[in-house]
Amino acid sequence: MSTVRVQKSTKRPGINDMAKIREFFNAYDVNKDGVISVSEMAQMLDKMCIKMSQESKVAFFNQIDIDRSGQIEFGEFLDWYTTVMELADEEAQKMLGRLEQSTNFSRSELEAIYENYKRVSASQVNDGMIDAQEFKQMMVAGGVPSWNTFLVDGLFRMFDVDNSGSISFEEFVNILSIYHNKNRKGSNEKHKLLFQIYDVDKDGRIGKQDLGKILADCLQCNNLQLDESDISALVNATFQRAGCTDYMNLEEYLREIATRHAE
């Protein structure tokens, strides 16, 4: 990539946006020294999926750093905030085109998903990413019980593919495409996602305790109850059918799913 000079937006944020912009600024002030450094700026651009070469990132930083102090104060950032958000929107439009090619979502569906994503990602901090708290609020609003932290945490891990601690728009769409059978990778992808929820410690296998916890939570969500002994018996039967003892890996899990669907 060649160095590109960013055209400053003619729009300015309103007075009612100040609090959210301050939260945005603070979110990327990683070392909490009250300013944004070159590396923090580069991290912000990367997390917002704004594609720039390293040279362009530095050049953009220097455009914002009016007083040439080598750091961006809040006032300087505020003057360029709208530009940063417009750049993020431009990249999102390009990404919509790529996602239209890589998934079976229509353009209108992707645009609706993007609007929902922007709303959720701005519910706590308007940083263009969905963090764990914003994700939990979205899940609870969608009907997932707030007490079911095991499920919510598992779903967040599933969406946060790169383990960055936040969910990008591309991650968001790709997981939704699998969940809604709009992906182009095959039917096993959804089962692989479910396996990731069970695999809490991400060691590539699930234990009886993991499966028992999922089963108990699912029953509770549907206002059903089983004794612990009955849940244990169901889990043991599942493991026995898969030819496993204490743990089940992804291959064994997929084989068990295929066997169950064939019956």
Protein backbone atom coordinates (compact mmCIF):
# COMPACT_ATOMS: atom_id res chain seq x y z
CA MET A 1 0.00 0.00 0.00
CA SER A 2 1.22 3.53 -0.81
CA THR A 3 0.94 6.44 1.61
CA VAL A 4 -2.47 8.10 1.35
CA ARG A 5 -3.36 11.53 2.75
CA VAL A 6 -6.78 11.44 4.40
CA GLN A 7 -9.33 14.06 3.36
CA LYS A 8 -10.81 15.66 6.47
CA SER A 9 -14.60 15.49 6.81
CA THR A 10 -16.55 18.73 6.68
CA LYS A 11 -18.96 17.37 9.30
CA ARG A 12 -18.47 17.92 13.01
CA PRO A 13 -19.88 15.95 15.96
CA GLY A 14 -22.70 17.48 17.97
CA ILE A 15 -22.54 18.54 21.59
CA ASN A 16 -24.61 15.51 22.57
CA ASP A 17 -21.90 13.22 21.17
CA MET A 18 -19.14 14.46 23.50
CA ALA A 19 -19.56 11.81 26.19
CA LYS A 20 -19.48 8.92 23.72
CA ILE A 21 -16.50 10.36 21.88
CA ARG A 22 -14.64 10.69 25.17
CA GLU A 23 -15.44 7.02 25.91
CA PHE A 24 -14.17 6.10 22.44
CA PHE A 25 -10.95 8.05 23.02
CA ASN A 26 -10.44 6.47 26.44
CA ALA A 27 -11.03 2.99 25.02
CA TYR A 28 -8.01 3.35 22.72
CA ASP A 29 -5.85 5.18 25.25
CA VAL A 30 -4.52 1.79 26.31
CA ASN A 31 -1.96 2.96 28.87
CA LYS A 32 -4.38 5.58 30.26
CA ASP A 33 -1.96 8.50 29.99
CA GLY A 34 -4.62 10.83 28.58
CA VAL A 35 -3.30 10.83 25.00
CA ILE A 36 -3.18 8.46 22.02
CA SER A 37 0.23 7.35 20.76
CA VAL A 38 1.18 6.21 17.25
CA SER A 39 0.89 2.53 18.26
CA GLU A 40 -2.47 3.10 19.95
CA MET A 41 -3.71 4.89 16.83
CA ALA A 42 -2.53 1.99 14.64
CA GLN A 43 -4.33 -0.48 16.92
CA MET A 44 -7.51 1.59 16.70
CA LEU A 45 -7.42 1.63 12.89
CA ASP A 46 -6.78 -2.13 12.76
CA LYS A 47 -9.63 -2.95 15.16
CA MET A 48 -11.99 -0.76 13.13
CA CYS A 49 -10.87 -2.63 9.96
CA ILE A 50 -9.60 0.61 8.36
CA LYS A 51 -7.02 -0.67 5.89
CA MET A 52 -3.84 1.40 5.73
CA SER A 53 -0.16 0.73 5.27
CA GLN A 54 2.08 1.48 8.25
CA GLU A 55 3.34 4.57 6.45
CA SER A 56 -0.23 5.80 5.88
CA LYS A 57 -1.10 5.20 9.54
CA VAL A 58 1.84 7.36 10.61
CA ALA A 59 0.94 10.03 8.04
CA PHE A 60 -2.67 10.09 9.26
CA PHE A 61 -1.46 10.33 12.86
CA ASN A 62 0.66 13.34 11.91
CA GLN A 63 -2.34 14.99 10.23
CA ILE A 64 -4.29 14.76 13.48
CA ASP A 65 -1.32 15.74 15.67
CA ILE A 66 -1.55 19.44 14.83
CA ASP A 67 0.89 20.64 17.51
CA ARG A 68 3.50 18.02 16.49
CA SER A 69 3.80 16.77 20.06
CA GLY A 70 4.08 13.14 18.98
CA GLN A 71 0.78 12.32 20.66
CA ILE A 72 -2.88 13.06 20.03
CA GLU A 73 -4.74 14.99 22.71
CA PHE A 74 -8.51 14.71 23.02
CA GLY A 75 -9.15 18.09 21.36
CA GLU A 76 -7.14 17.06 18.29
CA PHE A 77 -8.90 13.71 18.14
CA LEU A 78 -12.32 15.36 18.52
CA ASP A 79 -11.62 17.48 15.43
CA TRP A 80 -11.04 14.32 13.37
CA TYR A 81 -13.54 11.96 15.01
CA THR A 82 -16.14 12.24 12.23
CA THR A 83 -13.45 11.55 9.64
CA VAL A 84 -12.40 8.37 11.44
CA MET A 85 -16.00 7.14 11.62
CA GLU A 86 -16.55 7.93 7.93
CA LEU A 87 -13.42 5.94 7.05
CA ALA A 88 -14.82 3.02 9.05
CA ASP A 89 -18.11 3.27 7.14
CA GLU A 90 -16.28 3.34 3.79
CA GLU A 91 -14.34 0.21 4.70
CA ALA A 92 -17.56 -1.43 5.88
CA GLN A 93 -19.17 -0.80 2.49
CA LYS A 94 -16.21 -2.49 0.80
CA MET A 95 -16.50 -5.34 3.26
CA LEU A 96 -20.21 -5.70 2.47
CA GLY A 97 -19.24 -6.34 -1.13
CA ARG A 98 -16.72 -9.01 -0.10
CA LEU A 99 -19.18 -10.64 2.29
CA GLU A 100 -21.84 -10.67 -0.42
CA GLN A 101 -19.45 -12.82 -2.44
CA SER A 102 -18.33 -15.09 0.43
CA THR A 103 -21.76 -15.71 2.03
CA ASN A 104 -25.31 -16.29 0.81
CA PHE A 105 -26.63 -13.13 2.45
CA SER A 106 -28.16 -10.62 0.04
CA ARG A 107 -26.90 -7.03 -0.04
CA SER A 108 -30.03 -5.78 1.72
CA GLU A 109 -29.62 -8.42 4.45
CA LEU A 110 -25.98 -7.42 4.96
CA GLU A 111 -26.89 -3.74 5.15
CA ALA A 112 -29.54 -4.53 7.80
CA ILE A 113 -26.98 -6.58 9.75
CA TYR A 114 -24.51 -3.70 9.54
CA GLU A 115 -27.02 -1.19 10.91
CA ASN A 116 -27.78 -3.54 13.81
CA TYR A 117 -24.05 -4.09 14.36
CA LYS A 118 -23.42 -0.32 14.52
CA ARG A 119 -26.24 0.11 17.02
CA VAL A 120 -24.92 -2.64 19.30
CA SER A 121 -21.28 -1.58 18.99
CA ALA A 122 -22.22 1.96 20.09
CA SER A 123 -24.39 0.92 23.04
CA GLN A 124 -21.52 1.22 25.55
CA VAL A 125 -18.55 2.70 23.67
CA ASN A 126 -18.93 3.89 20.07
CA ASP A 127 -15.67 2.30 18.91
CA GLY A 128 -16.95 0.28 15.95
CA MET A 129 -16.49 -3.03 17.81
CA ILE A 130 -18.76 -5.16 20.00
CA ASP A 131 -17.19 -5.82 23.39
CA ALA A 132 -18.26 -8.44 25.94
CA GLN A 133 -20.68 -6.14 27.79
CA GLU A 134 -22.35 -4.94 24.59
CA PHE A 135 -22.65 -8.54 23.41
CA LYS A 136 -24.26 -9.60 26.69
CA GLN A 137 -26.81 -6.78 26.44
CA MET A 138 -27.65 -7.86 22.88
CA MET A 139 -28.11 -11.50 23.94
CA VAL A 140 -30.29 -10.61 26.93
CA ALA A 141 -32.42 -8.31 24.73
CA GLY A 142 -32.77 -11.26 22.33
CA GLY A 143 -34.14 -13.53 25.05
CA VAL A 144 -31.07 -15.25 26.53
CA PRO A 145 -31.48 -15.27 30.34
CA SER A 146 -29.04 -12.89 32.06
CA TRP A 147 -28.16 -15.60 34.58
CA ASN A 148 -26.89 -17.91 31.85
CA THR A 149 -23.35 -16.55 31.77
CA PHE A 150 -22.01 -19.92 30.62
CA LEU A 151 -23.97 -19.68 27.37
CA VAL A 152 -23.36 -15.94 26.84
CA ASP A 153 -19.62 -16.31 27.44
CA GLY A 154 -19.51 -19.32 25.13
CA LEU A 155 -21.31 -17.42 22.38
CA PHE A 156 -18.95 -14.47 22.76
CA ARG A 157 -15.94 -16.77 22.40
CA MET A 158 -17.55 -18.23 19.30
CA PHE A 159 -18.00 -14.81 17.64
CA ASP A 160 -14.59 -13.49 18.76
CA VAL A 161 -12.69 -15.67 16.30
CA ASP A 162 -9.32 -13.95 16.71
CA ASN A 163 -9.56 -13.85 20.54
CA SER A 164 -9.05 -10.07 20.53
CA GLY A 165 -11.65 -9.44 23.24
CA SER A 166 -14.05 -7.76 20.83
CA ILE A 167 -16.10 -8.73 17.76
CA SER A 168 -15.46 -7.11 14.40
CA PHE A 169 -18.18 -6.70 11.79
CA GLU A 170 -16.60 -9.38 9.60
CA GLU A 171 -16.50 -11.86 12.50
CA PHE A 172 -20.12 -10.97 13.31
CA VAL A 173 -21.36 -11.66 9.77
CA ASN A 174 -19.32 -14.83 9.24
CA ILE A 175 -20.69 -16.45 12.40
CA LEU A 176 -24.25 -15.37 11.56
CA SER A 177 -23.85 -16.85 8.08
CA ILE A 178 -22.96 -20.21 9.60
CA TYR A 179 -25.75 -20.07 12.18
CA HIS A 180 -28.38 -19.16 9.56
CA ASN A 181 -27.05 -21.63 6.95
CA LYS A 182 -25.92 -18.75 4.74
CA ASN A 183 -22.29 -19.80 4.57
CA ARG A 184 -20.59 -21.62 1.71
CA LYS A 185 -18.42 -23.99 3.75
CA GLY A 186 -20.75 -26.94 4.40
CA SER A 187 -23.25 -28.10 7.01
CA ASN A 188 -20.64 -29.16 9.59
CA GLU A 189 -19.66 -25.54 10.26
CA LYS A 190 -22.63 -24.97 12.58
CA HIS A 191 -21.77 -28.06 14.64
CA LYS A 192 -18.17 -26.88 14.88
CA LEU A 193 -19.45 -23.60 16.34
CA LEU A 194 -21.52 -25.43 18.93
CA PHE A 195 -18.49 -27.51 19.84
CA GLN A 196 -16.59 -24.27 20.51
CA ILE A 197 -19.26 -23.25 23.04
CA TYR A 198 -18.83 -26.54 24.89
CA ASP A 199 -15.03 -26.36 24.69
CA VAL A 200 -14.66 -23.73 27.42
CA ASP A 201 -10.88 -23.96 27.81
CA LYS A 202 -10.31 -24.29 24.03
CA ASP A 203 -8.21 -27.44 24.37
CA GLY A 204 -9.95 -29.11 21.41
CA ARG A 205 -12.11 -31.43 23.49
CA ILE A 206 -15.19 -31.36 25.72
CA GLY A 207 -15.70 -33.27 28.95
CA LYS A 208 -18.75 -34.77 30.57
CA GLN A 209 -19.01 -31.84 32.95
CA ASP A 210 -19.08 -29.37 30.03
CA LEU A 211 -21.84 -31.30 28.26
CA GLY A 212 -23.81 -31.70 31.49
CA LYS A 213 -23.68 -27.95 32.12
CA ILE A 214 -24.97 -27.18 28.63
CA LEU A 215 -27.78 -29.71 28.97
CA ALA A 216 -28.84 -28.36 32.38
CA ASP A 217 -28.87 -24.77 31.09
CA CYS A 218 -30.91 -25.73 28.01
CA LEU A 219 -33.46 -27.48 30.20
CA GLN A 220 -33.71 -24.49 32.53
CA CYS A 221 -34.18 -22.11 29.60
CA ASN A 222 -37.21 -24.21 28.58
CA ASN A 223 -38.56 -24.42 32.15
CA LEU A 224 -37.75 -28.12 32.35
CA GLN A 225 -36.02 -29.97 35.15
CA LEU A 226 -34.13 -33.23 35.44
CA ASP A 227 -32.35 -34.70 38.42
CA GLU A 228 -28.58 -34.54 38.31
CA SER A 229 -28.54 -38.32 38.07
CA ASP A 230 -30.75 -38.21 34.95
CA ILE A 231 -28.56 -35.56 33.31
CA SER A 232 -25.49 -37.62 34.15
CA ALA A 233 -27.10 -40.69 32.60
CA LEU A 234 -27.85 -38.78 29.36
CA VAL A 235 -24.30 -37.47 29.17
CA ASN A 236 -22.82 -40.92 29.83
CA ALA A 237 -25.04 -42.45 27.14
CA THR A 238 -23.93 -39.81 24.64
CA PHE A 239 -20.26 -40.43 25.38
CA GLN A 240 -20.75 -44.19 25.23
CA ARG A 241 -22.43 -43.98 21.83
CA ALA A 242 -19.50 -41.93 20.57
CA GLY A 243 -17.05 -44.50 21.91
CA CYS A 244 -15.51 -42.00 24.34
CA THR A 245 -14.67 -42.20 28.03
CA ASP A 246 -14.10 -38.84 29.73
CA TYR A 247 -13.53 -36.51 26.79
CA MET A 248 -14.74 -36.06 23.22
CA ASN A 249 -12.79 -34.30 20.46
CA LEU A 250 -14.27 -32.48 17.47
CA GLU A 251 -14.07 -35.49 15.15
CA GLU A 252 -15.87 -37.71 17.67
CA TYR A 253 -18.45 -35.00 18.28
CA LEU A 254 -19.20 -34.64 14.56
CA ARG A 255 -19.46 -38.42 14.22
CA GLU A 256 -21.98 -38.54 17.07
CA ILE A 257 -24.04 -35.79 15.42
CA ALA A 258 -24.01 -37.64 12.08
CA THR A 259 -25.07 -40.89 13.77
CA ARG A 260 -27.92 -39.17 15.57
CA HIS A 261 -29.19 -37.54 12.35
CA ALA A 262 -29.02 -40.86 10.48
CA GLU A 263 -31.38 -42.56 12.96
